[in-house]
C-alpha atoms as a PDB file:
ATOM      1  CA  MET A   1     -29.223 -19.936 -36.789  1.00  0.00           C
ATOM      2  CA  SER A   2     -31.740 -17.108 -36.642  1.00  0.00           C
ATOM      3  CA  GLU A   3     -33.313 -15.881 -33.301  1.00  0.00           C
ATOM      4  CA  PRO A   4     -36.010 -18.514 -32.397  1.00  0.00           C
ATOM      5  CA  ASN A   5     -39.675 -17.198 -32.732  1.00  0.00           C
ATOM      6  CA  LEU A   6     -40.698 -18.183 -29.240  1.00  0.00           C
ATOM      7  CA  GLU A   7     -44.283 -18.739 -28.434  1.00  0.00           C
ATOM      8  CA  ASP A   8     -46.652 -18.002 -25.728  1.00  0.00           C
ATOM      9  CA  SER A   9     -48.001 -20.677 -23.442  1.00  0.00           C
ATOM     10  CA  ARG A  10     -51.525 -21.150 -22.154  1.00  0.00           C
ATOM     11  CA  ASP A  11     -50.895 -18.586 -19.346  1.00  0.00           C
ATOM     12  CA  GLY A  12     -49.260 -16.076 -21.536  1.00  0.00           C
ATOM     13  CA  LEU A  13     -45.819 -16.732 -20.566  1.00  0.00           C
ATOM     14  CA  ILE A  14     -42.961 -18.232 -22.537  1.00  0.00           C
ATOM     15  CA  ARG A  15     -41.123 -20.849 -20.854  1.00  0.00           C
ATOM     16  CA  THR A  16     -37.972 -22.515 -22.316  1.00  0.00           C
ATOM     17  CA  ALA A  17     -35.741 -25.485 -21.661  1.00  0.00           C
ATOM     18  CA  PHE A  18     -32.321 -24.949 -23.122  1.00  0.00           C
ATOM     19  CA  VAL A  19     -29.951 -28.004 -23.596  1.00  0.00           C
ATOM     20  CA  THR A  20     -26.291 -27.553 -24.126  1.00  0.00           C
ATOM     21  CA  ILE A  21     -23.866 -30.393 -24.610  1.00  0.00           C
ATOM     22  CA  GLY A  22     -20.717 -28.336 -25.635  1.00  0.00           C
ATOM     23  CA  ALA A  23     -19.139 -27.448 -28.956  1.00  0.00           C
ATOM     24  CA  THR A  24     -16.936 -30.476 -29.712  1.00  0.00           C
ATOM     25  CA  ALA A  25     -17.612 -33.733 -27.818  1.00  0.00           C
ATOM     26  CA  GLY A  26     -20.886 -35.611 -28.649  1.00  0.00           C
ATOM     27  CA  PHE A  27     -23.374 -36.482 -26.042  1.00  0.00           C
ATOM     28  CA  ARG A  28     -25.940 -38.541 -27.719  1.00  0.00           C
ATOM     29  CA  ARG A  29     -27.392 -40.176 -24.642  1.00  0.00           C
ATOM     30  CA  LEU A  30     -28.352 -36.704 -23.312  1.00  0.00           C
ATOM     31  CA  LEU A  31     -29.930 -35.877 -26.729  1.00  0.00           C
ATOM     32  CA  GLN A  32     -31.833 -39.176 -26.858  1.00  0.00           C
ATOM     33  CA  GLU A  33     -33.292 -38.366 -23.289  1.00  0.00           C
ATOM     34  CA  VAL A  34     -34.563 -34.915 -23.955  1.00  0.00           C
ATOM     35  CA  VAL A  35     -36.617 -35.971 -26.879  1.00  0.00           C
ATOM     36  CA  SER A  36     -37.952 -39.024 -25.006  1.00  0.00           C
ATOM     37  CA  GLU A  37     -41.724 -39.312 -24.623  1.00  0.00           C
ATOM     38  CA  LYS A  38     -41.265 -39.216 -20.764  1.00  0.00           C
ATOM     39  CA  PHE A  39     -39.282 -35.966 -20.976  1.00  0.00           C
ATOM     40  CA  LEU A  40     -41.582 -34.192 -23.485  1.00  0.00           C
ATOM     41  CA  LEU A  41     -44.619 -34.984 -21.356  1.00  0.00           C
ATOM     42  CA  MET A  42     -42.886 -33.632 -18.275  1.00  0.00           C
ATOM     43  CA  LEU A  43     -42.178 -30.327 -20.097  1.00  0.00           C
ATOM     44  CA  LYS A  44     -45.916 -30.139 -21.311  1.00  0.00           C
ATOM     45  CA  SER A  45     -47.007 -30.874 -17.787  1.00  0.00           C
ATOM     46  CA  LEU A  46     -44.827 -27.938 -16.331  1.00  0.00           C
ATOM     47  CA  ASN A  47     -46.017 -25.529 -19.120  1.00  0.00           C
ATOM     48  CA  PHE A  48     -42.761 -25.316 -21.156  1.00  0.00           C
ATOM     49  CA  THR A  49     -43.336 -23.804 -24.617  1.00  0.00           C
ATOM     50  CA  ASN A  50     -40.010 -24.229 -26.094  1.00  0.00           C
ATOM     51  CA  LEU A  51     -37.136 -26.711 -26.125  1.00  0.00           C
ATOM     52  CA  VAL A  52     -33.856 -25.322 -27.502  1.00  0.00           C
ATOM     53  CA  VAL A  53     -30.925 -27.876 -28.084  1.00  0.00           C
ATOM     54  CA  GLN A  54     -27.357 -27.300 -28.880  1.00  0.00           C
ATOM     55  CA  CYS A  55     -26.265 -30.321 -30.355  1.00  0.00           C
ATOM     56  CA  GLY A  56     -22.553 -29.965 -31.040  1.00  0.00           C
ATOM     57  CA  PRO A  57     -21.428 -32.340 -33.848  1.00  0.00           C
ATOM     58  CA  ASP A  58     -24.724 -34.274 -33.692  1.00  0.00           C
ATOM     59  CA  LEU A  59     -27.236 -32.076 -35.114  1.00  0.00           C
ATOM     60  CA  GLU A  60     -28.221 -34.448 -37.882  1.00  0.00           C
ATOM     61  CA  TYR A  61     -28.591 -37.244 -35.396  1.00  0.00           C
ATOM     62  CA  PHE A  62     -30.716 -35.124 -33.219  1.00  0.00           C
ATOM     63  CA  ASP A  63     -32.979 -34.247 -36.123  1.00  0.00           C
ATOM     64  CA  SER A  64     -33.221 -37.842 -36.864  1.00  0.00           C
ATOM     65  CA  ILE A  65     -34.473 -38.886 -33.434  1.00  0.00           C
ATOM     66  CA  THR A  66     -36.746 -35.871 -32.743  1.00  0.00           C
ATOM     67  CA  PRO A  67     -40.520 -36.634 -32.970  1.00  0.00           C
ATOM     68  CA  SER A  68     -42.143 -34.856 -35.935  1.00  0.00           C
ATOM     69  CA  ASN A  69     -45.411 -34.017 -33.682  1.00  0.00           C
ATOM     70  CA  THR A  70     -43.983 -32.199 -31.009  1.00  0.00           C
ATOM     71  CA  GLN A  71     -46.104 -29.054 -31.404  1.00  0.00           C
ATOM     72  CA  LYS A  72     -49.306 -31.004 -31.652  1.00  0.00           C
ATOM     73  CA  SER A  73     -48.653 -33.655 -29.237  1.00  0.00           C
ATOM     74  CA  TYR A  74     -46.846 -31.747 -26.610  1.00  0.00           C
ATOM     75  CA  GLU A  75     -47.684 -28.103 -27.515  1.00  0.00           C
ATOM     76  CA  LEU A  76     -43.908 -27.706 -27.589  1.00  0.00           C
ATOM     77  CA  LYS A  77     -41.623 -25.997 -30.182  1.00  0.00           C
ATOM     78  CA  VAL A  78     -38.312 -27.680 -30.691  1.00  0.00           C
ATOM     79  CA  ILE A  79     -35.401 -25.848 -32.042  1.00  0.00           C
ATOM     80  CA  ALA A  80     -31.890 -27.328 -32.760  1.00  0.00           C
ATOM     81  CA  PHE A  81     -28.668 -25.784 -33.597  1.00  0.00           C
ATOM     82  CA  SER A  82     -25.085 -27.292 -33.495  1.00  0.00           C
ATOM     83  CA  TYR A  83     -22.925 -24.466 -32.419  1.00  0.00           C
ATOM     84  CA  ALA A  84     -22.974 -20.785 -31.569  1.00  0.00           C
ATOM     85  CA  PRO A  85     -20.035 -18.598 -30.504  1.00  0.00           C
ATOM     86  CA  ASP A  86     -21.885 -16.918 -27.642  1.00  0.00           C
ATOM     87  CA  LEU A  87     -24.694 -19.032 -25.914  1.00  0.00           C
ATOM     88  CA  LYS A  88     -25.585 -16.001 -23.721  1.00  0.00           C
ATOM     89  CA  ARG A  89     -28.992 -15.374 -25.643  1.00  0.00           C
ATOM     90  CA  TYR A  90     -29.952 -18.884 -25.343  1.00  0.00           C
ATOM     91  CA  PHE A  91     -29.357 -18.844 -21.393  1.00  0.00           C
ATOM     92  CA  MET A  92     -31.294 -15.842 -21.385  1.00  0.00           C
ATOM     93  CA  GLN A  93     -34.239 -17.339 -23.283  1.00  0.00           C
ATOM     94  CA  ALA A  94     -34.526 -19.866 -20.228  1.00  0.00           C
ATOM     95  CA  SER A  95     -34.409 -17.131 -17.834  1.00  0.00           C
ATOM     96  CA  ARG A  96     -37.180 -15.017 -16.185  1.00  0.00           C
ATOM     97  CA  GLY A  97     -37.665 -11.638 -17.858  1.00  0.00           C
ATOM     98  CA  GLU A  98     -39.298  -9.973 -20.884  1.00  0.00           C
ATOM     99  CA  ASP A  99     -38.267  -8.880 -24.423  1.00  0.00           C
ATOM    100  CA  ASP A 100     -39.586  -8.359 -27.785  1.00  0.00           C
ATOM    101  CA  ASN A 101     -40.825 -11.843 -27.897  1.00  0.00           C
ATOM    102  CA  GLY A 102     -42.988 -11.354 -24.830  1.00  0.00           C
ATOM    103  CA  LYS A 103     -42.822 -12.373 -21.105  1.00  0.00           C
ATOM    104  CA  ARG A 104     -40.624 -15.167 -19.951  1.00  0.00           C
ATOM    105  CA  ASP A 105     -41.060 -17.560 -17.071  1.00  0.00           C
ATOM    106  CA  CYS A 106     -38.149 -18.935 -15.230  1.00  0.00           C
ATOM    107  CA  GLY A 107     -37.179 -22.122 -17.413  1.00  0.00           C
ATOM    108  CA  VAL A 108     -34.307 -24.528 -16.971  1.00  0.00           C
ATOM    109  CA  ILE A 109     -30.890 -24.971 -18.462  1.00  0.00           C
ATOM    110  CA  ILE A 110     -29.548 -28.489 -18.734  1.00  0.00           C
ATOM    111  CA  SER A 111     -25.798 -28.674 -19.377  1.00  0.00           C
ATOM    112  CA  HIS A 112     -22.992 -30.856 -19.616  1.00  0.00           C
ATOM    113  CA  ALA A 113     -20.986 -30.453 -16.484  1.00  0.00           C
ATOM    114  CA  GLY A 114     -18.028 -28.475 -17.813  1.00  0.00           C
ATOM    115  CA  SER A 115     -16.975 -25.818 -15.316  1.00  0.00           C
ATOM    116  CA  GLY A 116     -17.048 -22.906 -17.974  1.00  0.00           C
ATOM    117  CA  SER A 117     -20.514 -23.822 -19.094  1.00  0.00           C
ATOM    118  CA  ILE A 118     -21.773 -24.166 -15.398  1.00  0.00           C
ATOM    119  CA  ILE A 119     -20.381 -20.896 -14.192  1.00  0.00           C
ATOM    120  CA  GLU A 120     -21.745 -18.986 -17.308  1.00  0.00           C
ATOM    121  CA  ALA A 121     -25.357 -20.528 -16.821  1.00  0.00           C
ATOM    122  CA  LEU A 122     -25.573 -19.613 -13.204  1.00  0.00           C
ATOM    123  CA  GLU A 123     -25.263 -16.089 -14.124  1.00  0.00           C
ATOM    124  CA  PHE A 124     -28.744 -16.183 -15.425  1.00  0.00           C
ATOM    125  CA  ASP A 125     -32.251 -16.214 -13.417  1.00  0.00           C
ATOM    126  CA  SER A 126     -32.875 -19.652 -14.259  1.00  0.00           C
ATOM    127  CA  LYS A 127     -32.704 -23.324 -12.906  1.00  0.00           C
ATOM    128  CA  LEU A 128     -29.704 -25.455 -13.570  1.00  0.00           C
ATOM    129  CA  VAL A 129     -29.373 -29.341 -14.240  1.00  0.00           C
ATOM    130  CA  ALA A 130     -25.813 -30.354 -14.780  1.00  0.00           C
ATOM    131  CA  VAL A 131     -25.355 -33.741 -16.298  1.00  0.00           C
ATOM    132  CA  PRO A 132     -21.736 -35.257 -16.527  1.00  0.00           C
ATOM    133  CA  ASN A 133     -20.709 -36.703 -19.834  1.00  0.00           C
ATOM    134  CA  PRO A 134     -19.197 -40.164 -18.998  1.00  0.00           C
ATOM    135  CA  GLN A 135     -16.986 -39.957 -21.982  1.00  0.00           C
ATOM    136  CA  LEU A 136     -15.195 -36.887 -20.369  1.00  0.00           C
ATOM    137  CA  MET A 137     -14.533 -38.158 -17.072  1.00  0.00           C
ATOM    138  CA  ASP A 138     -10.937 -36.974 -17.283  1.00  0.00           C
ATOM    139  CA  ASN A 139     -12.443 -33.483 -17.251  1.00  0.00           C
ATOM    140  CA  HIS A 140     -13.736 -33.915 -13.508  1.00  0.00           C
ATOM    141  CA  GLN A 141     -17.231 -33.326 -14.845  1.00  0.00           C
ATOM    142  CA  LEU A 142     -18.725 -35.614 -12.056  1.00  0.00           C
ATOM    143  CA  GLU A 143     -16.901 -34.164  -9.187  1.00  0.00           C
ATOM    144  CA  ILE A 144     -17.716 -30.644 -10.217  1.00  0.00           C
ATOM    145  CA  ALA A 145     -21.529 -31.476 -10.405  1.00  0.00           C
ATOM    146  CA  GLU A 146     -21.458 -33.154  -7.065  1.00  0.00           C
ATOM    147  CA  GLU A 147     -19.697 -30.465  -5.476  1.00  0.00           C
ATOM    148  CA  MET A 148     -21.850 -27.616  -6.775  1.00  0.00           C
ATOM    149  CA  GLU A 149     -25.006 -29.583  -5.980  1.00  0.00           C
ATOM    150  CA  SER A 150     -23.677 -30.021  -2.434  1.00  0.00           C
ATOM    151  CA  GLN A 151     -23.408 -26.336  -2.281  1.00  0.00           C
ATOM    152  CA  GLY A 152     -26.911 -25.710  -3.464  1.00  0.00           C
ATOM    153  CA  PHE A 153     -26.248 -24.051  -6.777  1.00  0.00           C
ATOM    154  CA  LEU A 154     -27.715 -26.715  -9.118  1.00  0.00           C
ATOM    155  CA  ILE A 155     -29.147 -30.227  -9.597  1.00  0.00           C
ATOM    156  CA  HIS A 156     -26.667 -33.024 -10.536  1.00  0.00           C
ATOM    157  CA  GLY A 157     -28.541 -34.814 -13.286  1.00  0.00           C
ATOM    158  CA  THR A 158     -27.620 -38.335 -14.223  1.00  0.00           C
ATOM    159  CA  LEU A 159     -28.323 -40.060 -17.488  1.00  0.00           C
ATOM    160  CA  GLY A 160     -31.548 -41.907 -17.173  1.00  0.00           C
ATOM    161  CA  SER A 161     -33.055 -39.497 -14.671  1.00  0.00           C
ATOM    162  CA  VAL A 162     -32.829 -36.174 -16.307  1.00  0.00           C
ATOM    163  CA  THR A 163     -36.755 -35.912 -16.278  1.00  0.00           C
ATOM    164  CA  GLU A 164     -36.616 -36.284 -12.464  1.00  0.00           C
ATOM    165  CA  ALA A 165     -33.813 -33.890 -12.175  1.00  0.00           C
ATOM    166  CA  VAL A 166     -35.861 -31.217 -13.916  1.00  0.00           C
ATOM    167  CA  GLU A 167     -38.917 -32.046 -11.869  1.00  0.00           C
ATOM    168  CA  LYS A 168     -36.694 -31.474  -8.769  1.00  0.00           C
ATOM    169  CA  THR A 169     -35.909 -27.965  -9.805  1.00  0.00           C
ATOM    170  CA  GLU A 170     -39.697 -27.091  -9.449  1.00  0.00           C
ATOM    171  CA  THR A 171     -39.600 -28.148  -5.738  1.00  0.00           C
ATOM    172  CA  ILE A 172     -36.433 -26.806  -4.192  1.00  0.00           C
ATOM    173  CA  ALA A 173     -34.730 -23.192  -4.081  1.00  0.00           C
ATOM    174  CA  LEU A 174     -31.465 -23.140  -5.407  1.00  0.00           C
ATOM    175  CA  ARG A 175     -28.687 -20.625  -4.192  1.00  0.00           C
ATOM    176  CA  LYS A 176     -27.818 -17.594  -6.337  1.00  0.00           C
ATOM    177  CA  TRP A 177     -24.363 -17.165  -7.889  1.00  0.00           C
ATOM    178  CA  PRO A 178     -21.871 -15.850  -7.088  1.00  0.00           C
ATOM    179  CA  PRO A 179     -21.466 -16.953  -3.504  1.00  0.00           C
ATOM    180  CA  GLY A 180     -19.869 -14.814  -0.944  1.00  0.00           C
ATOM    181  CA  PRO A 181     -16.132 -15.403  -0.046  1.00  0.00           C
ATOM    182  CA  SER A 182     -15.328 -17.667   2.762  1.00  0.00           C
ATOM    183  CA  PRO A 183     -13.578 -15.972   5.749  1.00  0.00           C
ATOM    184  CA  GLY A 184      -9.789 -15.734   4.848  1.00  0.00           C
ATOM    185  CA  SER A 185     -10.374 -17.107   1.236  1.00  0.00           C
ATOM    186  CA  ALA A 186      -8.875 -15.605  -2.024  1.00  0.00           C
ATOM    187  CA  TYR A 187     -12.154 -15.823  -3.831  1.00  0.00           C
ATOM    188  CA  GLN A 188     -12.424 -12.900  -6.279  1.00  0.00           C
ATOM    189  CA  LYS A 189     -16.038 -12.319  -7.717  1.00  0.00           C
ATOM    190  CA  GLY A 190     -16.278 -13.126 -11.402  1.00  0.00           C
ATOM    191  CA  GLY A 191     -13.021 -15.344 -11.528  1.00  0.00           C
ATOM    192  CA  LEU A 192     -14.028 -18.660 -13.091  1.00  0.00           C
ATOM    193  CA  TRP A 193     -11.037 -20.562 -11.765  1.00  0.00           C
ATOM    194  CA  GLU A 194     -11.121 -18.620  -8.327  1.00  0.00           C
ATOM    195  CA  ALA A 195     -14.643 -19.841  -7.904  1.00  0.00           C
ATOM    196  CA  ILE A 196     -14.164 -23.241  -8.845  1.00  0.00           C
ATOM    197  CA  ASN A 197     -11.210 -23.507  -6.621  1.00  0.00           C
ATOM    198  CA  GLU A 198     -13.224 -22.015  -3.748  1.00  0.00           C
ATOM    199  CA  LEU A 199     -16.137 -24.560  -4.399  1.00  0.00           C
ATOM    200  CA  MET A 200     -14.128 -27.637  -4.914  1.00  0.00           C
ATOM    201  CA  PRO A 201     -12.745 -29.591  -2.063  1.00  0.00           C
ATOM    202  CA  GLN A 202      -9.147 -28.934  -1.269  1.00  0.00           C
ATOM    203  CA  SER A 203      -6.755 -31.669  -0.821  1.00  0.00           C
ATOM    204  CA  SER A 204      -4.807 -32.013   2.452  1.00  0.00           C
END
């Protein structure tokens, strides 16, 4: 996929919502939700200009359910792709900053609740909504999302209320990543598993 041609919003800023479901497992219920009328109207009301969606194995399905009039009806450019070896440029598009495409306002990243994707997304100046995939409960996505929300780093989104979760990011201040180490902890900055072990409750 080529670099998206992002467009300016009414106030001259690019604002992007980036959705990532992971590379292998499908997450059709989340894809359905982010192209629902309710969700798209919410993005328009919050001055989002772009919706970029990483669809994994369901790109054709996503294309089939995406309204054809998003630019006219919602003033929103929708871009979809299946997989990319490095998602950093897409996380960056949803972050506050400036590049050759123009100035970017702080957007939102909506991700499945895999620990790797969460930690990578938190490195950027954006808001994060983590939505556990119920088909992958053996990967502890629900526990990770709940604990990271309790620590104040993200919003735990649930299927059926992703719109409300994104709206919530507009009204609260989330903590910056990485956190400082707890007294006596073995946390090492930048270590994924050290960070997850630090944040997750420890069994007694």
